[in-house]
Amino acid sequence: MPHPDALPESERPKLKSVLAGFPELDALTEHVRTFEKMLAQLQGDKLPQWIKAVRADDLLSPTPSSMASNAISQPSSSA
């Protein structure tokens, strides 16, 4: 899977649509991207701040049933 920044322009709206339908996944994606940047730029001193931000979002572990429920409540734009 390519890095999101390397996605072809035709694929970017699809990613944006998926993330828009699942706010928790969008938040998690941002945390992962921030973590990746910290690692790549050797910014370990920012780890405590990153951990606080992740905990503040209080993201629950998604379950298949919660994801399905969210998908059902969000009408598909392609239908």
PDB file of N, CA and C in Angstrom:
ATOM      1  N   MET A   1       0.855  -1.174   0.000  1.00  0.00           N
ATOM      2  CA  MET A   1       0.000   0.000   0.000  1.00  0.00           C
ATOM      3  C   MET A   1       0.897   1.232   0.000  1.00  0.00           C
ATOM      4  N   PRO A   2       0.651   2.166  -0.892  1.00  0.00           N
ATOM      5  CA  PRO A   2       1.489   3.361  -0.942  1.00  0.00           C
ATOM      6  C   PRO A   2       1.197   4.310   0.219  1.00  0.00           C
ATOM      7  N   HIS A   3       2.169   5.131   0.513  1.00  0.00           N
ATOM      8  CA  HIS A   3       1.992   6.190   1.505  1.00  0.00           C
ATOM      9  C   HIS A   3       0.864   7.096   1.016  1.00  0.00           C
ATOM     10  N   PRO A   4       0.003   7.593   1.908  1.00  0.00           N
ATOM     11  CA  PRO A   4      -1.117   8.441   1.466  1.00  0.00           C
ATOM     12  C   PRO A   4      -0.687   9.633   0.617  1.00  0.00           C
ATOM     13  N   ASP A   5       0.482  10.181   0.899  1.00  0.00           N
ATOM     14  CA  ASP A   5       0.960  11.315   0.094  1.00  0.00           C
ATOM     15  C   ASP A   5       1.348  10.886  -1.314  1.00  0.00           C
ATOM     16  N   ALA A   6       1.584   9.586  -1.509  1.00  0.00           N
ATOM     17  CA  ALA A   6       1.988   9.079  -2.813  1.00  0.00           C
ATOM     18  C   ALA A   6       0.811   8.495  -3.599  1.00  0.00           C
ATOM     19  N   LEU A   7      -0.394   8.601  -3.060  1.00  0.00           N
ATOM     20  CA  LEU A   7      -1.556   8.081  -3.767  1.00  0.00           C
ATOM     21  C   LEU A   7      -1.784   8.861  -5.057  1.00  0.00           C
ATOM     22  N   PRO A   8      -2.183   8.168  -6.096  1.00  0.00           N
ATOM     23  CA  PRO A   8      -2.549   8.888  -7.322  1.00  0.00           C
ATOM     24  C   PRO A   8      -3.741   9.807  -7.046  1.00  0.00           C
ATOM     25  N   GLU A   9      -3.822  10.885  -7.752  1.00  0.00           N
ATOM     26  CA  GLU A   9      -4.913  11.851  -7.559  1.00  0.00           C
ATOM     27  C   GLU A   9      -6.277  11.184  -7.646  1.00  0.00           C
ATOM     28  N   SER A  10      -6.408  10.172  -8.481  1.00  0.00           N
ATOM     29  CA  SER A  10      -7.703   9.493  -8.638  1.00  0.00           C
ATOM     30  C   SER A  10      -8.104   8.701  -7.397  1.00  0.00           C
ATOM     31  N   GLU A  11      -7.147   8.344  -6.548  1.00  0.00           N
ATOM     32  CA  GLU A  11      -7.421   7.558  -5.351  1.00  0.00           C
ATOM     33  C   GLU A  11      -7.662   8.418  -4.105  1.00  0.00           C
ATOM     34  N   ARG A  12      -7.187   9.640  -4.115  1.00  0.00           N
ATOM     35  CA  ARG A  12      -7.280  10.500  -2.928  1.00  0.00           C
ATOM     36  C   ARG A  12      -8.722  10.770  -2.483  1.00  0.00           C
ATOM     37  N   PRO A  13      -9.649  11.022  -3.415  1.00  0.00           N
ATOM     38  CA  PRO A  13     -11.035  11.232  -2.961  1.00  0.00           C
ATOM     39  C   PRO A  13     -11.615   9.994  -2.278  1.00  0.00           C
ATOM     40  N   LYS A  14     -11.207   8.809  -2.708  1.00  0.00           N
ATOM     41  CA  LYS A  14     -11.695   7.582  -2.073  1.00  0.00           C
ATOM     42  C   LYS A  14     -11.222   7.498  -0.627  1.00  0.00           C
ATOM     43  N   LEU A  15      -9.947   7.782  -0.400  1.00  0.00           N
ATOM     44  CA  LEU A  15      -9.415   7.769   0.963  1.00  0.00           C
ATOM     45  C   LEU A  15     -10.122   8.813   1.818  1.00  0.00           C
ATOM     46  N   LYS A  16     -10.285   9.995   1.268  1.00  0.00           N
ATOM     47  CA  LYS A  16     -10.951  11.075   1.997  1.00  0.00           C
ATOM     48  C   LYS A  16     -12.386  10.678   2.358  1.00  0.00           C
ATOM     49  N   SER A  17     -13.072  10.017   1.440  1.00  0.00           N
ATOM     50  CA  SER A  17     -14.446   9.579   1.680  1.00  0.00           C
ATOM     51  C   SER A  17     -14.509   8.540   2.790  1.00  0.00           C
ATOM     52  N   VAL A  18     -13.600   7.592   2.781  1.00  0.00           N
ATOM     53  CA  VAL A  18     -13.576   6.559   3.820  1.00  0.00           C
ATOM     54  C   VAL A  18     -13.320   7.197   5.176  1.00  0.00           C
ATOM     55  N   LEU A  19     -12.329   8.073   5.244  1.00  0.00           N
ATOM     56  CA  LEU A  19     -12.001   8.705   6.521  1.00  0.00           C
ATOM     57  C   LEU A  19     -13.130   9.605   7.007  1.00  0.00           C
ATOM     58  N   ALA A  20     -13.840  10.242   6.092  1.00  0.00           N
ATOM     59  CA  ALA A  20     -14.955  11.111   6.484  1.00  0.00           C
ATOM     60  C   ALA A  20     -16.092  10.303   7.095  1.00  0.00           C
ATOM     61  N   GLY A  21     -16.242   9.061   6.672  1.00  0.00           N
ATOM     62  CA  GLY A  21     -17.306   8.222   7.193  1.00  0.00           C
ATOM     63  C   GLY A  21     -17.005   7.615   8.550  1.00  0.00           C
ATOM     64  N   PHE A  22     -15.744   7.665   8.954  1.00  0.00           N
ATOM     65  CA  PHE A  22     -15.322   7.065  10.215  1.00  0.00           C
ATOM     66  C   PHE A  22     -14.409   8.046  10.952  1.00  0.00           C
ATOM     67  N   PRO A  23     -14.981   8.974  11.722  1.00  0.00           N
ATOM     68  CA  PRO A  23     -14.174   9.985  12.411  1.00  0.00           C
ATOM     69  C   PRO A  23     -13.076   9.393  13.294  1.00  0.00           C
ATOM     70  N   GLU A  24     -13.364   8.250  13.926  1.00  0.00           N
ATOM     71  CA  GLU A  24     -12.346   7.624  14.781  1.00  0.00           C
ATOM     72  C   GLU A  24     -11.161   7.149  13.949  1.00  0.00           C
ATOM     73  N   LEU A  25     -11.445   6.601  12.782  1.00  0.00           N
ATOM     74  CA  LEU A  25     -10.380   6.151  11.886  1.00  0.00           C
ATOM     75  C   LEU A  25      -9.578   7.336  11.373  1.00  0.00           C
ATOM     76  N   ASP A  26     -10.258   8.442  11.101  1.00  0.00           N
ATOM     77  CA  ASP A  26      -9.573   9.656  10.655  1.00  0.00           C
ATOM     78  C   ASP A  26      -8.622  10.165  11.738  1.00  0.00           C
ATOM     79  N   ALA A  27      -9.107  10.201  12.976  1.00  0.00           N
ATOM     80  CA  ALA A  27      -8.266  10.653  14.095  1.00  0.00           C
ATOM     81  C   ALA A  27      -7.084   9.711  14.283  1.00  0.00           C
ATOM     82  N   LEU A  28      -7.357   8.408  14.228  1.00  0.00           N
ATOM     83  CA  LEU A  28      -6.288   7.428  14.372  1.00  0.00           C
ATOM     84  C   LEU A  28      -5.259   7.585  13.266  1.00  0.00           C
ATOM     85  N   THR A  29      -5.720   7.819  12.049  1.00  0.00           N
ATOM     86  CA  THR A  29      -4.818   8.017  10.912  1.00  0.00           C
ATOM     87  C   THR A  29      -3.894   9.201  11.161  1.00  0.00           C
ATOM     88  N   GLU A  30      -4.438  10.273  11.681  1.00  0.00           N
ATOM     89  CA  GLU A  30      -3.612  11.451  11.967  1.00  0.00           C
ATOM     90  C   GLU A  30      -2.582  11.155  13.050  1.00  0.00           C
ATOM     91  N   HIS A  31      -2.981  10.399  14.069  1.00  0.00           N
ATOM     92  CA  HIS A  31      -2.025  10.038  15.121  1.00  0.00           C
ATOM     93  C   HIS A  31      -0.902   9.171  14.555  1.00  0.00           C
ATOM     94  N   VAL A  32      -1.241   8.235  13.701  1.00  0.00           N
ATOM     95  CA  VAL A  32      -0.218   7.368  13.100  1.00  0.00           C
ATOM     96  C   VAL A  32       0.723   8.182  12.220  1.00  0.00           C
ATOM     97  N   ARG A  33       0.187   9.098  11.450  1.00  0.00           N
ATOM     98  CA  ARG A  33       1.033   9.954  10.594  1.00  0.00           C
ATOM     99  C   ARG A  33       1.978  10.814  11.440  1.00  0.00           C
ATOM    100  N   THR A  34       1.452  11.346  12.531  1.00  0.00           N
ATOM    101  CA  THR A  34       2.285  12.157  13.425  1.00  0.00           C
ATOM    102  C   THR A  34       3.390  11.301  14.033  1.00  0.00           C
ATOM    103  N   PHE A  35       3.036  10.078  14.445  1.00  0.00           N
ATOM    104  CA  PHE A  35       4.025   9.165  15.018  1.00  0.00           C
ATOM    105  C   PHE A  35       5.104   8.831  13.990  1.00  0.00           C
ATOM    106  N   GLU A  36       4.686   8.575  12.767  1.00  0.00           N
ATOM    107  CA  GLU A  36       5.637   8.266  11.689  1.00  0.00           C
ATOM    108  C   GLU A  36       6.616   9.419  11.483  1.00  0.00           C
ATOM    109  N   LYS A  37       6.120  10.634  11.507  1.00  0.00           N
ATOM    110  CA  LYS A  37       6.994  11.804  11.341  1.00  0.00           C
ATOM    111  C   LYS A  37       7.969  11.917  12.507  1.00  0.00           C
ATOM    112  N   MET A  38       7.484  11.645  13.729  1.00  0.00           N
ATOM    113  CA  MET A  38       8.377  11.690  14.899  1.00  0.00           C
ATOM    114  C   MET A  38       9.511  10.692  14.733  1.00  0.00           C
ATOM    115  N   LEU A  39       9.184   9.485  14.270  1.00  0.00           N
ATOM    116  CA  LEU A  39      10.218   8.468  14.073  1.00  0.00           C
ATOM    117  C   LEU A  39      11.196   8.874  12.985  1.00  0.00           C
ATOM    118  N   ALA A  40      10.651   9.320  11.867  1.00  0.00           N
ATOM    119  CA  ALA A  40      11.497   9.671  10.724  1.00  0.00           C
ATOM    120  C   ALA A  40      12.422  10.842  11.033  1.00  0.00           C
ATOM    121  N   GLN A  41      11.951  11.758  11.869  1.00  0.00           N
ATOM    122  CA  GLN A  41      12.733  12.961  12.180  1.00  0.00           C
ATOM    123  C   GLN A  41      13.439  12.868  13.535  1.00  0.00           C
ATOM    124  N   LEU A  42      13.444  11.645  14.095  1.00  0.00           N
ATOM    125  CA  LEU A  42      14.127  11.402  15.374  1.00  0.00           C
ATOM    126  C   LEU A  42      13.707  12.408  16.444  1.00  0.00           C
ATOM    127  N   GLN A  43      12.402  12.523  16.640  1.00  0.00           N
ATOM    128  CA  GLN A  43      11.856  13.484  17.601  1.00  0.00           C
ATOM    129  C   GLN A  43      11.218  12.764  18.789  1.00  0.00           C
ATOM    130  N   GLY A  44      11.978  11.873  19.397  1.00  0.00           N
ATOM    131  CA  GLY A  44      11.490  11.114  20.533  1.00  0.00           C
ATOM    132  C   GLY A  44      11.064  11.970  21.708  1.00  0.00           C
ATOM    133  N   ASP A  45      11.586  13.175  21.787  1.00  0.00           N
ATOM    134  CA  ASP A  45      11.217  14.068  22.884  1.00  0.00           C
ATOM    135  C   ASP A  45       9.745  14.473  22.812  1.00  0.00           C
ATOM    136  N   LYS A  46       9.115  14.278  21.659  1.00  0.00           N
ATOM    137  CA  LYS A  46       7.704  14.630  21.496  1.00  0.00           C
ATOM    138  C   LYS A  46       6.763  13.474  21.843  1.00  0.00           C
ATOM    139  N   LEU A  47       7.329  12.334  22.203  1.00  0.00           N
ATOM    140  CA  LEU A  47       6.498  11.157  22.491  1.00  0.00           C
ATOM    141  C   LEU A  47       5.500  11.388  23.631  1.00  0.00           C
ATOM    142  N   PRO A  48       5.899  11.964  24.769  1.00  0.00           N
ATOM    143  CA  PRO A  48       4.912  12.187  25.836  1.00  0.00           C
ATOM    144  C   PRO A  48       3.736  13.060  25.383  1.00  0.00           C
ATOM    145  N   GLN A  49       4.014  14.074  24.590  1.00  0.00           N
ATOM    146  CA  GLN A  49       2.960  14.954  24.067  1.00  0.00           C
ATOM    147  C   GLN A  49       2.047  14.165  23.121  1.00  0.00           C
ATOM    148  N   TRP A  50       2.632  13.304  22.293  1.00  0.00           N
ATOM    149  CA  TRP A  50       1.865  12.480  21.369  1.00  0.00           C
ATOM    150  C   TRP A  50       0.955  11.515  22.135  1.00  0.00           C
ATOM    151  N   ILE A  51       1.493  10.894  23.171  1.00  0.00           N
ATOM    152  CA  ILE A  51       0.707   9.954  23.985  1.00  0.00           C
ATOM    153  C   ILE A  51      -0.479  10.678  24.620  1.00  0.00           C
ATOM    154  N   LYS A  52      -0.251  11.882  25.146  1.00  0.00           N
ATOM    155  CA  LYS A  52      -1.351  12.658  25.741  1.00  0.00           C
ATOM    156  C   LYS A  52      -2.427  12.948  24.701  1.00  0.00           C
ATOM    157  N   ALA A  53      -2.024  13.302  23.495  1.00  0.00           N
ATOM    158  CA  ALA A  53      -2.987  13.609  22.434  1.00  0.00           C
ATOM    159  C   ALA A  53      -3.807  12.378  22.065  1.00  0.00           C
ATOM    160  N   VAL A  54      -3.153  11.232  21.980  1.00  0.00           N
ATOM    161  CA  VAL A  54      -3.862   9.989  21.652  1.00  0.00           C
ATOM    162  C   VAL A  54      -4.853   9.650  22.759  1.00  0.00           C
ATOM    163  N   ARG A  55      -4.424   9.728  23.988  1.00  0.00           N
ATOM    164  CA  ARG A  55      -5.312   9.415  25.113  1.00  0.00           C
ATOM    165  C   ARG A  55      -6.462  10.413  25.206  1.00  0.00           C
ATOM    166  N   ALA A  56      -6.205  11.676  24.884  1.00  0.00           N
ATOM    167  CA  ALA A  56      -7.247  12.701  24.948  1.00  0.00           C
ATOM    168  C   ALA A  56      -8.362  12.429  23.943  1.00  0.00           C
ATOM    169  N   ASP A  57      -8.024  11.816  22.816  1.00  0.00           N
ATOM    170  CA  ASP A  57      -9.044  11.485  21.819  1.00  0.00           C
ATOM    171  C   ASP A  57      -9.917  10.328  22.270  1.00  0.00           C
ATOM    172  N   ASP A  58      -9.462   9.564  23.263  1.00  0.00           N
ATOM    173  CA  ASP A  58     -10.236   8.469  23.823  1.00  0.00           C
ATOM    174  C   ASP A  58     -10.815   7.559  22.735  1.00  0.00           C
ATOM    175  N   LEU A  59      -9.952   7.172  21.817  1.00  0.00           N
ATOM    176  CA  LEU A  59     -10.375   6.301  20.722  1.00  0.00           C
ATOM    177  C   LEU A  59     -10.598   4.893  21.243  1.00  0.00           C
ATOM    178  N   LEU A  60     -11.753   4.363  20.962  1.00  0.00           N
ATOM    179  CA  LEU A  60     -12.060   2.992  21.336  1.00  0.00           C
ATOM    180  C   LEU A  60     -11.550   2.064  20.253  1.00  0.00           C
ATOM    181  N   SER A  61     -11.251   0.859  20.630  1.00  0.00           N
ATOM    182  CA  SER A  61     -10.864  -0.128  19.639  1.00  0.00           C
ATOM    183  C   SER A  61     -12.077  -0.435  18.785  1.00  0.00           C
ATOM    184  N   PRO A  62     -11.981  -0.220  17.470  1.00  0.00           N
ATOM    185  CA  PRO A  62     -13.137  -0.506  16.628  1.00  0.00           C
ATOM    186  C   PRO A  62     -13.394  -2.009  16.559  1.00  0.00           C
ATOM    187  N   THR A  63     -14.647  -2.358  16.586  1.00  0.00           N
ATOM    188  CA  THR A  63     -15.038  -3.753  16.442  1.00  0.00           C
ATOM    189  C   THR A  63     -15.777  -3.881  15.114  1.00  0.00           C
ATOM    190  N   PRO A  64     -15.820  -5.069  14.557  1.00  0.00           N
ATOM    191  CA  PRO A  64     -16.558  -5.226  13.301  1.00  0.00           C
ATOM    192  C   PRO A  64     -18.001  -4.737  13.408  1.00  0.00           C
ATOM    193  N   SER A  65     -18.651  -4.981  14.540  1.00  0.00           N
ATOM    194  CA  SER A  65     -20.052  -4.559  14.664  1.00  0.00           C
ATOM    195  C   SER A  65     -20.179  -3.042  14.745  1.00  0.00           C
ATOM    196  N   SER A  66     -19.252  -2.371  15.424  1.00  0.00           N
ATOM    197  CA  SER A  66     -19.343  -0.908  15.501  1.00  0.00           C
ATOM    198  C   SER A  66     -19.037  -0.279  14.150  1.00  0.00           C
ATOM    199  N   MET A  67     -18.119  -0.879  13.414  1.00  0.00           N
ATOM    200  CA  MET A  67     -17.791  -0.358  12.087  1.00  0.00           C
ATOM    201  C   MET A  67     -18.971  -0.566  11.135  1.00  0.00           C
ATOM    202  N   ALA A  68     -19.616  -1.718  11.219  1.00  0.00           N
ATOM    203  CA  ALA A  68     -20.767  -1.994  10.363  1.00  0.00           C
ATOM    204  C   ALA A  68     -21.911  -1.046  10.695  1.00  0.00           C
ATOM    205  N   SER A  69     -22.126  -0.810  11.985  1.00  0.00           N
ATOM    206  CA  SER A  69     -23.177   0.097  12.411  1.00  0.00           C
ATOM    207  C   SER A  69     -22.939   1.495  11.862  1.00  0.00           C
ATOM    208  N   ASN A  70     -21.705   1.951  11.919  1.00  0.00           N
ATOM    209  CA  ASN A  70     -21.360   3.274  11.406  1.00  0.00           C
ATOM    210  C   ASN A  70     -21.547   3.314   9.896  1.00  0.00           C
ATOM    211  N   ALA A  71     -21.154   2.260   9.197  1.00  0.00           N
ATOM    212  CA  ALA A  71     -21.289   2.217   7.743  1.00  0.00           C
ATOM    213  C   ALA A  71     -22.747   2.251   7.335  1.00  0.00           C
ATOM    214  N   ILE A  72     -23.599   1.570   8.097  1.00  0.00           N
ATOM    215  CA  ILE A  72     -25.019   1.538   7.779  1.00  0.00           C
ATOM    216  C   ILE A  72     -25.655   2.915   7.994  1.00  0.00           C
ATOM    217  N   SER A  73     -25.218   3.613   9.042  1.00  0.00           N
ATOM    218  CA  SER A  73     -25.793   4.922   9.339  1.00  0.00           C
ATOM    219  C   SER A  73     -25.274   6.006   8.415  1.00  0.00           C
ATOM    220  N   GLN A  74     -24.193   5.741   7.694  1.00  0.00           N
ATOM    221  CA  GLN A  74     -23.616   6.697   6.760  1.00  0.00           C
ATOM    222  C   GLN A  74     -23.967   6.248   5.335  1.00  0.00           C
ATOM    223  N   PRO A  75     -24.929   6.888   4.666  1.00  0.00           N
ATOM    224  CA  PRO A  75     -25.271   6.457   3.311  1.00  0.00           C
ATOM    225  C   PRO A  75     -24.079   6.627   2.372  1.00  0.00           C
ATOM    226  N   SER A  76     -23.926   5.677   1.505  1.00  0.00           N
ATOM    227  CA  SER A  76     -22.829   5.692   0.545  1.00  0.00           C
ATOM    228  C   SER A  76     -23.081   6.750  -0.507  1.00  0.00           C
ATOM    229  N   SER A  77     -22.039   7.517  -0.847  1.00  0.00           N
ATOM    230  CA  SER A  77     -22.174   8.545  -1.867  1.00  0.00           C
ATOM    231  C   SER A  77     -22.160   7.946  -3.262  1.00  0.00           C
ATOM    232  N   SER A  78     -21.743   6.673  -3.389  1.00  0.00           N
ATOM    233  CA  SER A  78     -21.672   6.042  -4.699  1.00  0.00           C
ATOM    234  C   SER A  78     -22.962   5.333  -5.062  1.00  0.00           C
ATOM    235  N   ALA A  79     -23.894   5.227  -4.118  1.00  0.00           N
ATOM    236  CA  ALA A  79     -25.140   4.499  -4.385  1.00  0.00           C
ATOM    237  C   ALA A  79     -26.175   5.370  -5.048  1.00  0.00           C
TER     238      ALA A  79
END
